[in-house]
N, C-alpha and C. Protein backbone atom coordinates (compact mmCIF):
# COMPACT_ATOMS: atom_id res chain seq x y z
N UNK A 1 -13.68 -1.14 -8.95
CA UNK A 1 -12.80 -2.29 -8.92
C UNK A 1 -12.57 -2.69 -7.47
N UNK A 2 -12.54 -3.98 -7.23
CA UNK A 2 -12.30 -4.53 -5.91
C UNK A 2 -11.15 -5.53 -6.02
N UNK A 3 -10.11 -5.33 -5.23
CA UNK A 3 -8.99 -6.26 -5.22
C UNK A 3 -9.38 -7.44 -4.33
N UNK A 4 -9.24 -8.64 -4.87
CA UNK A 4 -9.60 -9.88 -4.17
C UNK A 4 -8.40 -10.47 -3.44
N UNK A 5 -7.28 -10.61 -4.16
CA UNK A 5 -6.10 -11.22 -3.56
C UNK A 5 -4.86 -10.85 -4.37
N UNK A 6 -3.72 -11.11 -3.77
CA UNK A 6 -2.46 -10.94 -4.51
C UNK A 6 -1.47 -11.99 -4.04
N UNK A 7 -0.56 -12.31 -4.92
CA UNK A 7 0.58 -13.17 -4.60
C UNK A 7 1.82 -12.46 -5.14
N UNK A 8 2.76 -12.21 -4.26
CA UNK A 8 4.02 -11.60 -4.66
C UNK A 8 5.06 -12.70 -4.74
N UNK A 9 5.54 -13.00 -5.95
CA UNK A 9 6.66 -13.94 -6.06
C UNK A 9 7.87 -13.30 -5.39
N UNK A 10 8.30 -12.21 -5.95
CA UNK A 10 9.40 -11.40 -5.41
C UNK A 10 9.24 -10.00 -5.97
N UNK A 11 9.32 -9.02 -5.09
CA UNK A 11 9.23 -7.62 -5.51
C UNK A 11 9.90 -6.82 -4.40
N UNK A 12 11.09 -6.27 -4.68
CA UNK A 12 11.83 -5.58 -3.62
C UNK A 12 12.12 -6.55 -2.49
N UNK A 13 11.78 -6.14 -1.26
CA UNK A 13 12.05 -7.01 -0.12
C UNK A 13 10.95 -8.04 0.11
N UNK A 14 9.81 -7.92 -0.60
CA UNK A 14 8.70 -8.85 -0.42
C UNK A 14 8.96 -10.13 -1.21
N UNK A 15 8.68 -11.27 -0.57
CA UNK A 15 8.93 -12.55 -1.21
C UNK A 15 7.90 -13.57 -0.75
N UNK A 16 7.34 -14.31 -1.72
CA UNK A 16 6.39 -15.39 -1.44
C UNK A 16 5.30 -14.95 -0.46
N UNK A 17 4.65 -13.85 -0.79
CA UNK A 17 3.64 -13.25 0.08
C UNK A 17 2.26 -13.41 -0.56
N UNK A 18 1.30 -13.94 0.22
CA UNK A 18 -0.08 -14.07 -0.21
C UNK A 18 -0.96 -13.22 0.70
N UNK A 19 -1.84 -12.42 0.10
CA UNK A 19 -2.79 -11.61 0.86
C UNK A 19 -4.17 -11.79 0.23
N UNK A 20 -5.15 -12.13 1.06
CA UNK A 20 -6.55 -12.19 0.65
C UNK A 20 -7.26 -11.03 1.29
N UNK A 21 -8.00 -10.27 0.50
CA UNK A 21 -8.70 -9.10 1.00
C UNK A 21 -10.16 -9.44 1.25
N UNK A 22 -10.76 -8.80 2.27
CA UNK A 22 -12.17 -9.06 2.55
C UNK A 22 -13.05 -7.99 1.90
N UNK A 23 -14.34 -8.12 2.07
CA UNK A 23 -15.32 -7.23 1.45
C UNK A 23 -15.26 -5.80 1.97
N UNK A 24 -14.76 -5.62 3.17
CA UNK A 24 -14.84 -4.33 3.83
C UNK A 24 -13.47 -3.64 3.83
N UNK A 25 -13.20 -2.91 4.86
CA UNK A 25 -11.93 -2.19 4.97
C UNK A 25 -10.81 -3.18 5.29
N UNK A 26 -9.71 -3.03 4.61
CA UNK A 26 -8.53 -3.86 4.85
C UNK A 26 -7.40 -2.97 5.33
N UNK A 27 -6.81 -3.32 6.45
CA UNK A 27 -5.73 -2.53 7.03
C UNK A 27 -4.47 -3.38 7.05
N UNK A 28 -3.41 -2.82 6.54
CA UNK A 28 -2.11 -3.48 6.63
C UNK A 28 -1.33 -2.73 7.69
N UNK A 29 -1.30 -3.31 8.87
CA UNK A 29 -0.68 -2.70 10.04
C UNK A 29 0.60 -3.46 10.36
N UNK A 30 1.68 -2.99 9.81
CA UNK A 30 2.98 -3.63 9.98
C UNK A 30 3.99 -2.56 10.41
N UNK A 31 5.10 -2.99 11.02
CA UNK A 31 6.10 -2.01 11.48
C UNK A 31 6.82 -1.32 10.32
N UNK A 32 7.45 -0.21 10.64
CA UNK A 32 8.26 0.51 9.66
C UNK A 32 9.29 -0.44 9.06
N UNK A 33 9.46 -0.34 7.77
CA UNK A 33 10.44 -1.17 7.08
C UNK A 33 9.91 -2.52 6.63
N UNK A 34 8.66 -2.85 6.94
CA UNK A 34 8.10 -4.14 6.55
C UNK A 34 7.96 -4.26 5.03
N UNK A 35 7.54 -3.16 4.37
CA UNK A 35 7.37 -3.17 2.93
C UNK A 35 6.00 -2.70 2.48
N UNK A 36 5.33 -1.89 3.30
CA UNK A 36 3.99 -1.39 2.93
C UNK A 36 4.05 -0.53 1.68
N UNK A 37 5.03 0.36 1.58
CA UNK A 37 5.18 1.19 0.37
C UNK A 37 5.59 0.33 -0.82
N UNK A 38 6.38 -0.68 -0.58
CA UNK A 38 6.77 -1.60 -1.65
C UNK A 38 5.54 -2.36 -2.14
N UNK A 39 4.65 -2.75 -1.23
CA UNK A 39 3.41 -3.43 -1.62
C UNK A 39 2.54 -2.50 -2.47
N UNK A 40 2.46 -1.23 -2.11
CA UNK A 40 1.71 -0.26 -2.92
C UNK A 40 2.34 -0.13 -4.31
N UNK A 41 3.66 -0.12 -4.39
CA UNK A 41 4.35 -0.05 -5.68
C UNK A 41 4.10 -1.33 -6.48
N UNK A 42 4.00 -2.47 -5.80
CA UNK A 42 3.68 -3.74 -6.46
C UNK A 42 2.32 -3.65 -7.13
N UNK A 43 1.30 -3.15 -6.41
CA UNK A 43 -0.04 -3.01 -6.99
C UNK A 43 0.01 -2.13 -8.25
N UNK A 44 0.70 -1.02 -8.17
CA UNK A 44 0.81 -0.11 -9.31
C UNK A 44 1.51 -0.78 -10.49
N UNK A 45 2.62 -1.46 -10.21
CA UNK A 45 3.37 -2.12 -11.29
C UNK A 45 2.57 -3.26 -11.90
N UNK A 46 1.79 -3.98 -11.09
CA UNK A 46 0.98 -5.07 -11.62
C UNK A 46 -0.12 -4.54 -12.54
N UNK A 47 -0.73 -3.45 -12.15
CA UNK A 47 -1.83 -2.89 -12.94
C UNK A 47 -1.34 -2.12 -14.17
N UNK A 48 -0.25 -1.37 -14.03
CA UNK A 48 0.16 -0.45 -15.09
C UNK A 48 1.56 -0.70 -15.65
N UNK A 49 2.32 -1.61 -15.06
CA UNK A 49 3.72 -1.75 -15.43
C UNK A 49 4.52 -0.63 -14.78
N UNK A 50 5.77 -0.55 -15.10
CA UNK A 50 6.58 0.55 -14.58
C UNK A 50 6.35 1.78 -15.43
N UNK A 51 6.22 2.94 -14.81
CA UNK A 51 5.92 4.18 -15.49
C UNK A 51 7.11 4.62 -16.33
N UNK A 52 6.93 4.57 -17.64
CA UNK A 52 8.02 5.01 -18.52
C UNK A 52 7.78 6.42 -19.05
N UNK A 53 6.81 7.13 -18.48
CA UNK A 53 6.51 8.50 -18.92
C UNK A 53 7.18 9.55 -18.02
N UNK A 54 7.84 9.09 -16.96
CA UNK A 54 8.52 10.02 -16.05
C UNK A 54 9.77 10.59 -16.72
N UNK A 55 10.53 11.34 -15.94
CA UNK A 55 11.75 11.92 -16.48
C UNK A 55 12.70 10.82 -16.95
N UNK A 56 13.62 11.19 -17.77
CA UNK A 56 14.56 10.25 -18.37
C UNK A 56 15.26 9.41 -17.30
N UNK A 57 15.25 8.09 -17.51
CA UNK A 57 15.94 7.19 -16.59
C UNK A 57 15.09 6.70 -15.43
N UNK A 58 13.90 7.25 -15.22
CA UNK A 58 13.08 6.87 -14.06
C UNK A 58 12.63 5.42 -14.17
N UNK A 59 12.32 4.95 -15.38
CA UNK A 59 11.89 3.57 -15.57
C UNK A 59 12.96 2.61 -15.07
N UNK A 60 14.20 2.87 -15.45
CA UNK A 60 15.29 1.99 -15.03
C UNK A 60 15.50 2.07 -13.51
N UNK A 61 15.31 3.27 -12.93
CA UNK A 61 15.47 3.42 -11.48
C UNK A 61 14.45 2.59 -10.74
N UNK A 62 13.16 2.69 -11.12
CA UNK A 62 12.12 1.92 -10.45
C UNK A 62 12.33 0.43 -10.67
N UNK A 63 12.66 0.04 -11.87
CA UNK A 63 12.90 -1.37 -12.18
C UNK A 63 14.02 -1.93 -11.31
N UNK A 64 15.09 -1.18 -11.15
CA UNK A 64 16.21 -1.62 -10.31
C UNK A 64 15.86 -1.54 -8.83
N UNK A 65 15.12 -0.50 -8.44
CA UNK A 65 14.77 -0.31 -7.03
C UNK A 65 13.98 -1.50 -6.48
N UNK A 66 13.09 -2.06 -7.30
CA UNK A 66 12.22 -3.13 -6.82
C UNK A 66 12.66 -4.52 -7.28
N UNK A 67 13.87 -4.64 -7.84
CA UNK A 67 14.37 -5.98 -8.15
C UNK A 67 14.44 -6.77 -6.86
N UNK A 68 14.14 -8.06 -6.91
CA UNK A 68 14.12 -8.87 -5.69
C UNK A 68 15.46 -8.85 -4.96
N UNK A 69 15.38 -8.56 -3.67
CA UNK A 69 16.58 -8.54 -2.84
C UNK A 69 17.18 -9.93 -2.74
N UNK A 70 16.34 -10.95 -2.76
CA UNK A 70 16.78 -12.32 -2.56
C UNK A 70 16.93 -13.08 -3.87
N UNK A 71 16.77 -12.39 -5.00
CA UNK A 71 16.84 -13.05 -6.30
C UNK A 71 15.52 -13.75 -6.61
N UNK A 72 15.52 -14.55 -7.64
CA UNK A 72 14.32 -15.30 -8.01
C UNK A 72 13.44 -14.54 -8.97
N UNK A 73 12.27 -15.12 -9.30
CA UNK A 73 11.36 -14.48 -10.25
C UNK A 73 10.88 -13.13 -9.74
N UNK A 74 10.72 -12.19 -10.62
CA UNK A 74 10.40 -10.80 -10.30
C UNK A 74 8.98 -10.53 -10.77
N UNK A 75 8.00 -10.49 -9.85
CA UNK A 75 6.62 -10.24 -10.23
C UNK A 75 5.64 -10.96 -9.34
N UNK A 76 4.46 -11.29 -9.90
CA UNK A 76 3.45 -11.98 -9.12
C UNK A 76 2.10 -11.97 -9.81
N UNK A 77 1.03 -12.09 -8.99
CA UNK A 77 -0.34 -12.12 -9.51
C UNK A 77 -1.23 -11.18 -8.69
N UNK A 78 -2.24 -10.66 -9.35
CA UNK A 78 -3.21 -9.79 -8.70
C UNK A 78 -4.59 -10.17 -9.24
N UNK A 79 -5.50 -10.55 -8.33
CA UNK A 79 -6.86 -10.90 -8.72
C UNK A 79 -7.80 -9.79 -8.26
N UNK A 80 -8.66 -9.34 -9.18
CA UNK A 80 -9.58 -8.26 -8.87
C UNK A 80 -10.92 -8.51 -9.55
N UNK A 81 -11.91 -7.75 -9.15
CA UNK A 81 -13.26 -7.90 -9.69
C UNK A 81 -13.78 -6.55 -10.16
N UNK A 82 -14.40 -6.57 -11.34
CA UNK A 82 -15.06 -5.38 -11.89
C UNK A 82 -16.41 -5.83 -12.43
N UNK A 83 -17.46 -5.15 -12.01
CA UNK A 83 -18.82 -5.45 -12.47
C UNK A 83 -19.16 -6.94 -12.35
N UNK A 84 -18.75 -7.56 -11.25
CA UNK A 84 -19.07 -8.96 -11.00
C UNK A 84 -18.22 -9.97 -11.75
N UNK A 85 -17.24 -9.52 -12.54
CA UNK A 85 -16.35 -10.43 -13.27
C UNK A 85 -14.96 -10.39 -12.64
N UNK A 86 -14.39 -11.56 -12.43
CA UNK A 86 -13.05 -11.67 -11.85
C UNK A 86 -11.99 -11.79 -12.93
N UNK A 87 -10.88 -11.13 -12.66
CA UNK A 87 -9.73 -11.16 -13.56
C UNK A 87 -8.48 -11.39 -12.72
N UNK A 88 -7.51 -12.05 -13.32
CA UNK A 88 -6.20 -12.21 -12.68
C UNK A 88 -5.14 -11.71 -13.63
N UNK A 89 -4.33 -10.80 -13.13
CA UNK A 89 -3.17 -10.30 -13.86
C UNK A 89 -1.96 -11.06 -13.35
N UNK A 90 -1.17 -11.54 -14.27
CA UNK A 90 0.11 -12.17 -13.94
C UNK A 90 1.19 -11.40 -14.68
N UNK A 91 2.17 -10.94 -13.94
CA UNK A 91 3.27 -10.19 -14.57
C UNK A 91 4.60 -10.73 -14.06
N UNK A 92 5.55 -10.77 -14.96
CA UNK A 92 6.94 -10.99 -14.57
C UNK A 92 7.75 -9.90 -15.23
N UNK A 93 8.68 -9.37 -14.48
CA UNK A 93 9.49 -8.26 -14.95
C UNK A 93 10.89 -8.75 -15.26
N UNK A 94 11.40 -8.33 -16.41
CA UNK A 94 12.76 -8.67 -16.78
C UNK A 94 13.68 -7.49 -16.56
N UNK A 95 14.83 -7.54 -17.18
CA UNK A 95 15.79 -6.44 -17.05
C UNK A 95 15.38 -5.21 -17.84
N UNK A 96 14.56 -5.42 -18.88
CA UNK A 96 14.08 -4.31 -19.70
C UNK A 96 12.58 -4.49 -19.93
N UNK A 97 11.92 -3.43 -20.37
CA UNK A 97 10.49 -3.48 -20.65
C UNK A 97 10.16 -4.53 -21.70
N UNK A 98 11.05 -4.72 -22.65
CA UNK A 98 10.82 -5.70 -23.73
C UNK A 98 10.80 -7.14 -23.21
N UNK A 99 11.43 -7.39 -22.09
CA UNK A 99 11.48 -8.76 -21.55
C UNK A 99 10.40 -9.01 -20.49
N UNK A 100 9.57 -8.01 -20.22
CA UNK A 100 8.46 -8.21 -19.28
C UNK A 100 7.40 -9.10 -19.92
N UNK A 101 6.67 -9.84 -19.06
CA UNK A 101 5.55 -10.66 -19.53
C UNK A 101 4.30 -10.24 -18.79
N UNK A 102 3.17 -10.21 -19.52
CA UNK A 102 1.88 -9.81 -18.94
C UNK A 102 0.81 -10.77 -19.45
N UNK A 103 -0.01 -11.27 -18.52
CA UNK A 103 -1.14 -12.13 -18.88
C UNK A 103 -2.35 -11.68 -18.08
N UNK A 104 -3.49 -11.64 -18.74
CA UNK A 104 -4.75 -11.28 -18.08
C UNK A 104 -5.70 -12.45 -18.23
């Protein structure tokens, strides 16, 4: 799988962020506190949703931890390629797993 691009509507401290990845190595070189770990959590949540298999209450903790600091829609888009075919995942997260939306 190759990640092509992402758009973060709002996820934690990240807001209205677009990143296009190139064919080779991509380095995100930003200062401490910029949101690199939050971006990694965004990729995971976009691909798999929030992990509800962890210990009791972990799903709610992660969901609350990454709620947009500035408000607004919670989620974004991730475009990737597998075997020469491109796909775009669009997710929006609600207050509960039942209110989440996923489109491929």
